[in-house]
Protein backbone atom coordinates (compact mmCIF):
# COMPACT_ATOMS: atom_id res chain seq x y z
CA MET A 1 -88.25 -106.19 -67.90
CA GLY A 2 -87.15 -109.70 -66.92
CA LYS A 3 -90.06 -111.21 -68.81
CA HIS A 4 -89.01 -109.39 -71.98
CA GLU A 5 -85.40 -110.69 -71.71
CA THR A 6 -86.64 -114.27 -71.21
CA SER A 7 -88.85 -114.16 -74.29
CA THR A 8 -86.09 -112.86 -76.58
CA GLN A 9 -83.36 -115.26 -75.38
CA PRO A 10 -84.41 -118.26 -77.52
CA ALA A 11 -84.50 -116.04 -80.56
CA MET A 12 -80.89 -114.96 -79.93
CA GLU A 13 -79.72 -118.57 -79.55
CA ARG A 14 -81.49 -119.78 -82.67
CA VAL A 15 -79.03 -120.60 -85.50
CA HIS A 16 -80.03 -120.16 -89.13
CA TYR A 17 -78.16 -121.93 -91.94
CA PRO A 18 -78.20 -120.45 -95.40
CA ASP A 19 -79.53 -122.71 -98.15
CA ASP A 20 -76.12 -123.05 -99.80
CA GLU A 21 -74.14 -123.83 -96.62
CA ILE A 22 -72.74 -127.37 -96.33
CA ASP A 23 -73.68 -129.19 -93.15
CA LEU A 24 -70.60 -131.25 -92.25
CA ARG A 25 -72.61 -133.56 -90.03
CA GLU A 26 -75.07 -134.27 -92.81
CA LEU A 27 -72.19 -134.80 -95.25
CA LEU A 28 -70.55 -137.38 -93.00
CA GLY A 29 -73.91 -139.02 -92.46
CA THR A 30 -74.42 -139.35 -96.21
CA LEU A 31 -71.01 -140.95 -96.61
CA TRP A 32 -71.69 -143.35 -93.74
CA ARG A 33 -75.03 -144.41 -95.18
CA GLY A 34 -73.35 -145.10 -98.53
CA LYS A 35 -70.28 -146.78 -97.07
CA TRP A 36 -71.06 -150.14 -98.68
CA ILE A 37 -71.36 -148.57 -102.12
CA ILE A 38 -68.00 -146.83 -101.63
CA LEU A 39 -66.32 -149.99 -100.34
CA LEU A 40 -67.73 -152.14 -103.13
CA THR A 41 -66.71 -149.67 -105.87
CA THR A 42 -63.24 -149.29 -104.36
CA LEU A 43 -62.83 -153.06 -104.18
CA VAL A 44 -63.93 -153.55 -107.80
CA PHE A 45 -61.53 -150.92 -109.10
CA ALA A 46 -58.71 -152.21 -106.90
CA VAL A 47 -59.13 -155.74 -108.25
CA ALA A 48 -59.38 -154.40 -111.81
CA GLY A 49 -56.22 -152.33 -111.30
CA VAL A 50 -54.27 -155.31 -109.97
CA ALA A 51 -55.52 -157.51 -112.81
CA TYR A 52 -54.52 -154.89 -115.39
CA ALA A 53 -51.09 -154.44 -113.81
CA LEU A 54 -50.46 -158.19 -113.79
CA SER A 55 -51.60 -158.52 -117.41
CA LYS A 56 -48.99 -156.04 -118.63
CA PRO A 57 -45.66 -157.64 -119.64
CA ASN A 58 -42.37 -156.59 -118.11
CA ILE A 59 -40.53 -153.96 -120.15
CA TYR A 60 -36.76 -153.59 -119.88
CA GLN A 61 -34.78 -150.52 -120.88
CA ALA A 62 -31.22 -150.41 -122.20
CA SER A 63 -29.54 -147.03 -122.56
CA VAL A 64 -26.37 -145.73 -124.21
CA LEU A 65 -24.68 -142.44 -123.32
CA LEU A 66 -23.08 -140.83 -126.36
CA ALA A 67 -20.78 -137.86 -126.89
CA PRO A 68 -20.09 -136.00 -130.16
CA SER A 69 -16.83 -137.43 -131.49
CA GLN A 70 -16.09 -134.88 -134.22
CA SER A 71 -13.59 -132.08 -133.69
CA GLU A 72 -14.40 -128.46 -134.27
CA GLY A 73 -12.73 -128.33 -137.65
CA ASN A 74 -12.32 -130.79 -140.48
CA VAL A 75 -9.36 -129.11 -142.12
CA GLY A 76 -6.43 -127.54 -140.39
CA GLY A 77 -4.30 -125.36 -142.57
CA ILE A 78 -6.13 -124.10 -145.62
CA GLY A 79 -9.13 -122.32 -144.18
CA GLY A 80 -8.65 -118.61 -144.84
CA GLN A 81 -7.56 -117.94 -148.40
CA LEU A 82 -9.37 -120.93 -149.88
CA GLY A 83 -12.66 -120.52 -148.08
CA GLY A 84 -14.38 -118.55 -150.84
CA LEU A 85 -13.32 -120.89 -153.61
CA ALA A 86 -14.22 -123.95 -151.56
CA SER A 87 -17.69 -122.54 -150.96
CA LEU A 88 -18.18 -122.06 -154.69
CA ALA A 89 -17.20 -125.71 -155.18
CA GLY A 90 -19.68 -126.81 -152.54
CA ILE A 91 -17.00 -127.73 -150.00
CA ASN A 92 -17.15 -127.03 -146.28
CA LEU A 93 -13.70 -126.45 -144.88
CA GLY A 94 -14.38 -125.51 -141.30
CA GLY A 95 -16.44 -126.30 -138.22
CA GLY A 96 -19.61 -128.30 -138.56
CA GLY A 97 -18.95 -130.70 -135.69
CA SER A 98 -21.99 -129.67 -133.70
CA ASN A 99 -24.15 -129.39 -136.83
CA LYS A 100 -23.20 -132.94 -137.83
CA THR A 101 -24.22 -134.19 -134.39
CA VAL A 102 -27.62 -132.51 -134.70
CA LEU A 103 -28.01 -133.97 -138.18
CA ALA A 104 -27.07 -137.45 -136.96
CA LYS A 105 -29.62 -137.25 -134.14
CA GLU A 106 -32.36 -136.31 -136.59
CA VAL A 107 -31.32 -139.01 -139.06
CA LEU A 108 -31.39 -141.56 -136.24
CA GLN A 109 -35.10 -140.83 -135.72
CA SER A 110 -35.97 -140.41 -139.38
CA ARG A 111 -38.43 -142.68 -141.15
CA ALA A 112 -36.00 -143.65 -143.93
CA PHE A 113 -33.20 -144.66 -141.54
CA LEU A 114 -35.48 -146.65 -139.23
CA THR A 115 -37.18 -148.41 -142.14
CA ASP A 116 -33.79 -149.52 -143.42
CA PHE A 117 -32.77 -150.54 -139.88
CA ILE A 118 -35.90 -152.68 -139.39
CA HIS A 119 -35.48 -154.47 -142.72
CA ARG A 120 -31.71 -154.94 -142.35
CA TYR A 121 -32.09 -156.85 -139.07
CA SER A 122 -35.47 -158.49 -139.91
CA LEU A 123 -37.32 -156.89 -136.99
CA SER A 124 -40.81 -156.91 -138.49
CA VAL A 125 -41.92 -160.10 -136.71
CA PRO A 126 -40.53 -159.17 -133.25
CA LEU A 127 -42.05 -155.70 -133.63
CA MET A 128 -45.50 -156.58 -134.87
CA ALA A 129 -46.21 -160.24 -134.00
CA ALA A 130 -44.41 -160.94 -130.73
CA LYS A 131 -46.62 -161.36 -127.66
CA GLY A 132 -43.89 -162.13 -125.15
CA TRP A 133 -40.32 -163.22 -124.48
CA ASN A 134 -39.36 -166.73 -123.38
CA THR A 135 -36.49 -166.36 -120.92
CA GLU A 136 -35.68 -170.09 -120.95
CA SER A 137 -35.28 -170.45 -124.71
CA GLN A 138 -34.27 -166.80 -125.21
CA SER A 139 -36.72 -166.48 -128.07
CA TRP A 140 -39.86 -164.56 -128.98
CA GLN A 141 -43.32 -165.95 -128.37
CA ILE A 142 -45.16 -165.31 -131.63
CA ASP A 143 -48.87 -164.60 -131.88
CA ARG A 144 -49.91 -167.20 -134.44
CA GLU A 145 -53.10 -165.33 -135.21
CA ILE A 146 -50.90 -162.63 -136.72
CA TYR A 147 -47.88 -164.55 -138.06
CA ASN A 148 -47.19 -168.22 -138.84
CA PRO A 149 -43.50 -168.97 -138.09
CA GLU A 150 -43.66 -172.38 -139.81
CA THR A 151 -44.65 -170.97 -143.19
CA ASN A 152 -43.16 -167.49 -142.59
CA THR A 153 -46.40 -165.86 -143.67
CA TRP A 154 -48.61 -163.16 -142.21
CA GLN A 155 -52.16 -164.29 -141.41
CA ASP A 156 -55.33 -162.67 -142.70
CA ASN A 157 -57.68 -160.87 -140.33
CA GLU A 158 -61.43 -161.47 -139.99
CA GLU A 159 -62.13 -159.24 -142.99
CA GLY A 160 -59.79 -161.32 -145.14
CA ASN A 161 -57.06 -158.66 -145.35
CA THR A 162 -53.44 -159.53 -144.70
CA GLN A 163 -51.96 -158.43 -141.39
CA LYS A 164 -48.53 -157.88 -142.90
CA PRO A 165 -47.43 -154.50 -141.52
CA THR A 166 -46.40 -151.61 -143.69
CA ASP A 167 -43.17 -149.67 -143.21
CA TRP A 168 -45.27 -146.84 -141.81
CA ASP A 169 -46.78 -149.12 -139.14
CA MET A 170 -43.44 -150.59 -138.12
CA VAL A 171 -41.62 -147.27 -137.85
CA ASN A 172 -44.46 -145.72 -135.86
CA LYS A 173 -44.49 -148.60 -133.39
CA PHE A 174 -40.72 -148.59 -133.10
CA LYS A 175 -40.63 -144.87 -132.32
CA GLN A 176 -43.61 -144.89 -129.95
CA GLU A 177 -42.89 -148.04 -127.95
CA HIS A 178 -39.17 -148.77 -128.27
CA LEU A 179 -36.96 -145.80 -129.20
CA SER A 180 -36.18 -142.71 -127.15
CA VAL A 181 -33.46 -140.15 -127.93
CA SER A 182 -32.72 -137.16 -125.68
CA GLU A 183 -29.96 -134.58 -125.46
CA ASN A 184 -28.49 -132.71 -122.52
CA THR A 185 -28.34 -129.13 -123.79
CA GLU A 186 -25.69 -128.18 -121.20
CA THR A 187 -23.18 -130.95 -121.93
CA GLY A 188 -24.19 -131.94 -125.45
CA MET A 189 -24.42 -135.60 -124.38
CA VAL A 190 -27.01 -137.73 -126.18
CA THR A 191 -28.84 -140.59 -124.46
CA LEU A 192 -30.36 -143.33 -126.58
CA LYS A 193 -32.84 -145.68 -124.88
CA ILE A 194 -34.44 -148.86 -126.16
CA ASN A 195 -37.45 -150.50 -124.48
CA SER A 196 -38.22 -154.16 -125.06
CA GLN A 197 -39.83 -157.18 -123.42
CA SER A 198 -36.43 -158.86 -123.77
CA PRO A 199 -33.48 -157.40 -121.81
CA THR A 200 -30.96 -158.93 -124.21
CA VAL A 201 -32.79 -157.62 -127.28
CA ALA A 202 -32.97 -154.13 -125.76
CA LYS A 203 -29.17 -154.11 -125.42
CA GLU A 204 -28.64 -155.51 -128.93
CA TRP A 205 -30.93 -153.00 -130.61
CA ALA A 206 -29.29 -150.09 -128.79
CA GLU A 207 -25.82 -151.21 -129.85
CA LYS A 208 -26.90 -151.77 -133.46
CA LEU A 209 -28.51 -148.34 -133.67
CA VAL A 210 -25.34 -146.61 -132.47
CA PHE A 211 -23.19 -148.63 -134.88
CA ASP A 212 -25.52 -148.04 -137.82
CA ILE A 213 -25.85 -144.27 -137.36
CA ASN A 214 -22.06 -143.92 -137.17
CA GLU A 215 -21.69 -146.03 -140.32
CA TYR A 216 -24.41 -144.13 -142.12
CA MET A 217 -22.90 -140.71 -141.39
CA ARG A 218 -19.38 -141.92 -142.21
CA LYS A 219 -20.44 -143.36 -145.57
CA GLU A 220 -22.38 -140.21 -146.41
CA ASP A 221 -19.37 -137.99 -145.71
CA VAL A 222 -17.07 -140.29 -147.70
CA ARG A 223 -19.50 -140.32 -150.62
CA GLU A 224 -19.83 -136.53 -150.59
CA ALA A 225 -16.05 -136.03 -150.26
CA GLU A 226 -15.37 -138.41 -153.17
CA ALA A 227 -17.93 -136.56 -155.28
CA ARG A 228 -16.19 -133.27 -154.50
CA ILE A 229 -12.80 -134.81 -155.36
CA ALA A 230 -14.16 -135.90 -158.74
CA PHE A 231 -15.54 -132.40 -159.29
CA LEU A 232 -12.22 -130.75 -158.37
CA GLU A 233 -10.23 -133.11 -160.55
CA GLY A 234 -12.45 -132.18 -163.47
CA LYS A 235 -11.89 -128.47 -162.82
CA LEU A 236 -8.16 -129.11 -162.46
CA ASN A 237 -7.96 -130.65 -165.92
CA GLU A 238 -9.84 -127.68 -167.37
CA THR A 239 -7.58 -125.02 -165.77
CA PRO A 240 -4.25 -124.16 -167.47
CA ILE A 241 -3.34 -121.51 -164.87
CA ALA A 242 -0.65 -122.78 -162.50
CA GLY A 243 -1.91 -120.74 -159.53
CA MET A 244 -5.41 -122.11 -159.85
CA GLN A 245 -4.07 -125.63 -160.24
CA GLN A 246 -2.23 -125.25 -156.93
CA VAL A 247 -5.48 -124.18 -155.27
CA PHE A 248 -7.31 -127.19 -156.65
CA TYR A 249 -4.52 -129.52 -155.52
CA GLN A 250 -4.87 -128.21 -151.98
CA LEU A 251 -8.62 -128.63 -152.05
CA ILE A 252 -8.27 -132.19 -153.34
CA GLU A 253 -5.75 -132.88 -150.58
CA SER A 254 -8.24 -131.56 -148.02
CA GLU A 255 -11.04 -133.81 -149.31
CA THR A 256 -8.70 -136.80 -149.50
CA ARG A 257 -7.79 -136.20 -145.87
CA THR A 258 -11.51 -136.16 -145.01
CA VAL A 259 -11.98 -139.56 -146.68
CA MET A 260 -8.96 -141.04 -144.91
CA LEU A 261 -10.02 -139.78 -141.48
CA ALA A 262 -13.59 -140.97 -141.97
CA ASN A 263 -12.45 -144.47 -142.95
CA ALA A 264 -10.12 -144.59 -139.95
CA GLN A 265 -12.85 -143.80 -137.37
CA ASN A 266 -15.25 -146.47 -136.14
CA GLU A 267 -17.19 -144.07 -133.91
CA TYR A 268 -17.51 -141.36 -136.50
CA VAL A 269 -20.21 -139.08 -135.09
CA PHE A 270 -21.09 -140.51 -131.68
CA LYS A 271 -18.50 -141.80 -129.24
CA THR A 272 -19.86 -144.26 -126.68
CA VAL A 273 -19.26 -142.96 -123.17
CA ASP A 274 -21.41 -145.48 -121.30
CA PRO A 275 -22.26 -148.59 -123.37
CA ALA A 276 -25.52 -150.51 -123.18
CA VAL A 277 -25.76 -153.43 -120.76
CA VAL A 278 -28.40 -156.10 -120.31
CA PRO A 279 -30.87 -154.57 -117.81
CA GLN A 280 -31.45 -156.66 -114.70
CA GLU A 281 -34.61 -154.87 -113.53
CA LYS A 282 -37.75 -153.95 -115.40
CA SER A 283 -38.46 -150.30 -116.09
CA GLU A 284 -42.23 -150.76 -116.38
CA PRO A 285 -45.04 -151.36 -115.64
CA LYS A 286 -45.21 -149.78 -112.18
CA ARG A 287 -47.62 -152.37 -110.86
CA ALA A 288 -47.86 -151.01 -107.32
CA LEU A 289 -48.60 -147.51 -108.62
CA ILE A 290 -51.26 -148.85 -111.01
CA ALA A 291 -52.96 -150.72 -108.16
CA ILE A 292 -52.90 -147.66 -105.88
CA LEU A 293 -54.30 -145.38 -108.59
CA GLY A 294 -57.03 -147.91 -109.35
CA THR A 295 -58.01 -148.05 -105.67
CA LEU A 296 -58.08 -144.26 -105.35
CA LEU A 297 -60.13 -143.95 -108.52
CA GLY A 298 -62.61 -146.49 -107.23
CA GLY A 299 -62.97 -144.61 -103.94
CA MET A 300 -63.61 -141.32 -105.72
CA ILE A 301 -66.16 -142.83 -108.09
CA GLY A 302 -67.92 -144.59 -105.19
CA THR A 303 -68.14 -141.31 -103.27
CA PHE A 304 -69.48 -139.55 -106.33
CA ILE A 305 -72.16 -142.22 -106.77
CA VAL A 306 -73.24 -141.87 -103.12
CA PHE A 307 -73.62 -138.10 -103.45
CA ILE A 308 -75.58 -138.48 -106.71
CA LEU A 309 -77.97 -140.95 -105.06
CA ALA A 310 -78.39 -138.65 -102.04
CA PHE A 311 -79.12 -135.70 -104.31
CA VAL A 312 -81.73 -137.69 -106.22
CA ARG A 313 -83.42 -138.79 -102.98
CA ASN A 314 -83.50 -135.24 -101.67
CA ALA A 315 -84.94 -133.99 -104.95
CA LYS A 316 -87.73 -136.58 -104.80
CA GLY A 317 -88.39 -135.75 -101.15
CA ASP A 318 -88.81 -132.04 -101.96
CA THR A 319 -91.37 -132.80 -104.62
């Protein structure tokens, strides 16, 4: 009986590992044997990450907080009985404040408005040919392989084609790298942000955009109101009925009031709540984060390489 128990004891203590079970000790051993590969890969990626982070120029961000400046109604006293006639004449007598804000925000990001903005302030060279900002001279450093500032000409590329940018190229770059517009749906506040290598230029562009969109919307409303006044005056001259003439006089008065109020408002659509200032700190790049991510990526790739090499060795050993 005792002899039988002694013979079966080793069998009970014997441990069997399934083929697909991971041996932690073997895993750690594999990592230890490949430690130099992991360290070398991590070091290479860490150095590359630091070099990349240092090569990126400082970007500064200027922001403006805006609030809708239009009231709920454009006309005070003639809404009800004249609404139907005004609609037939193409005239909007009521509301529209929020709609005008939405329209202004879309116009601000539109291709036509930004193209006009870039040409009005001659931003093509800073947008497409600047490679840096000189803080001492407060001027752009121009890439002479793209643009020659002495002759004010765009250079040709290796294929012999001019590097002068198209409106499409400039607007795309402006929207992707410089302009950001967001709206707080709860408060209706609009935040306009401008990114630039120059802190002073970021502030200037933000201020000019706010001024220009207000001017654009004001001039559009004045133009439309004057066109409606001309239309109503024509109808007035054609109408011999005294009652209808009185209606047209009131409508003309309403549109005249719109023109007067528009010309009296500097901040027509957007009222500046928090103006842009020259940023004192860069917003990007996050150099420390780039270096850390590069180091982590190098460690993961090094570990992956070690496991691949171990798998290949094991496969050769089995054959």
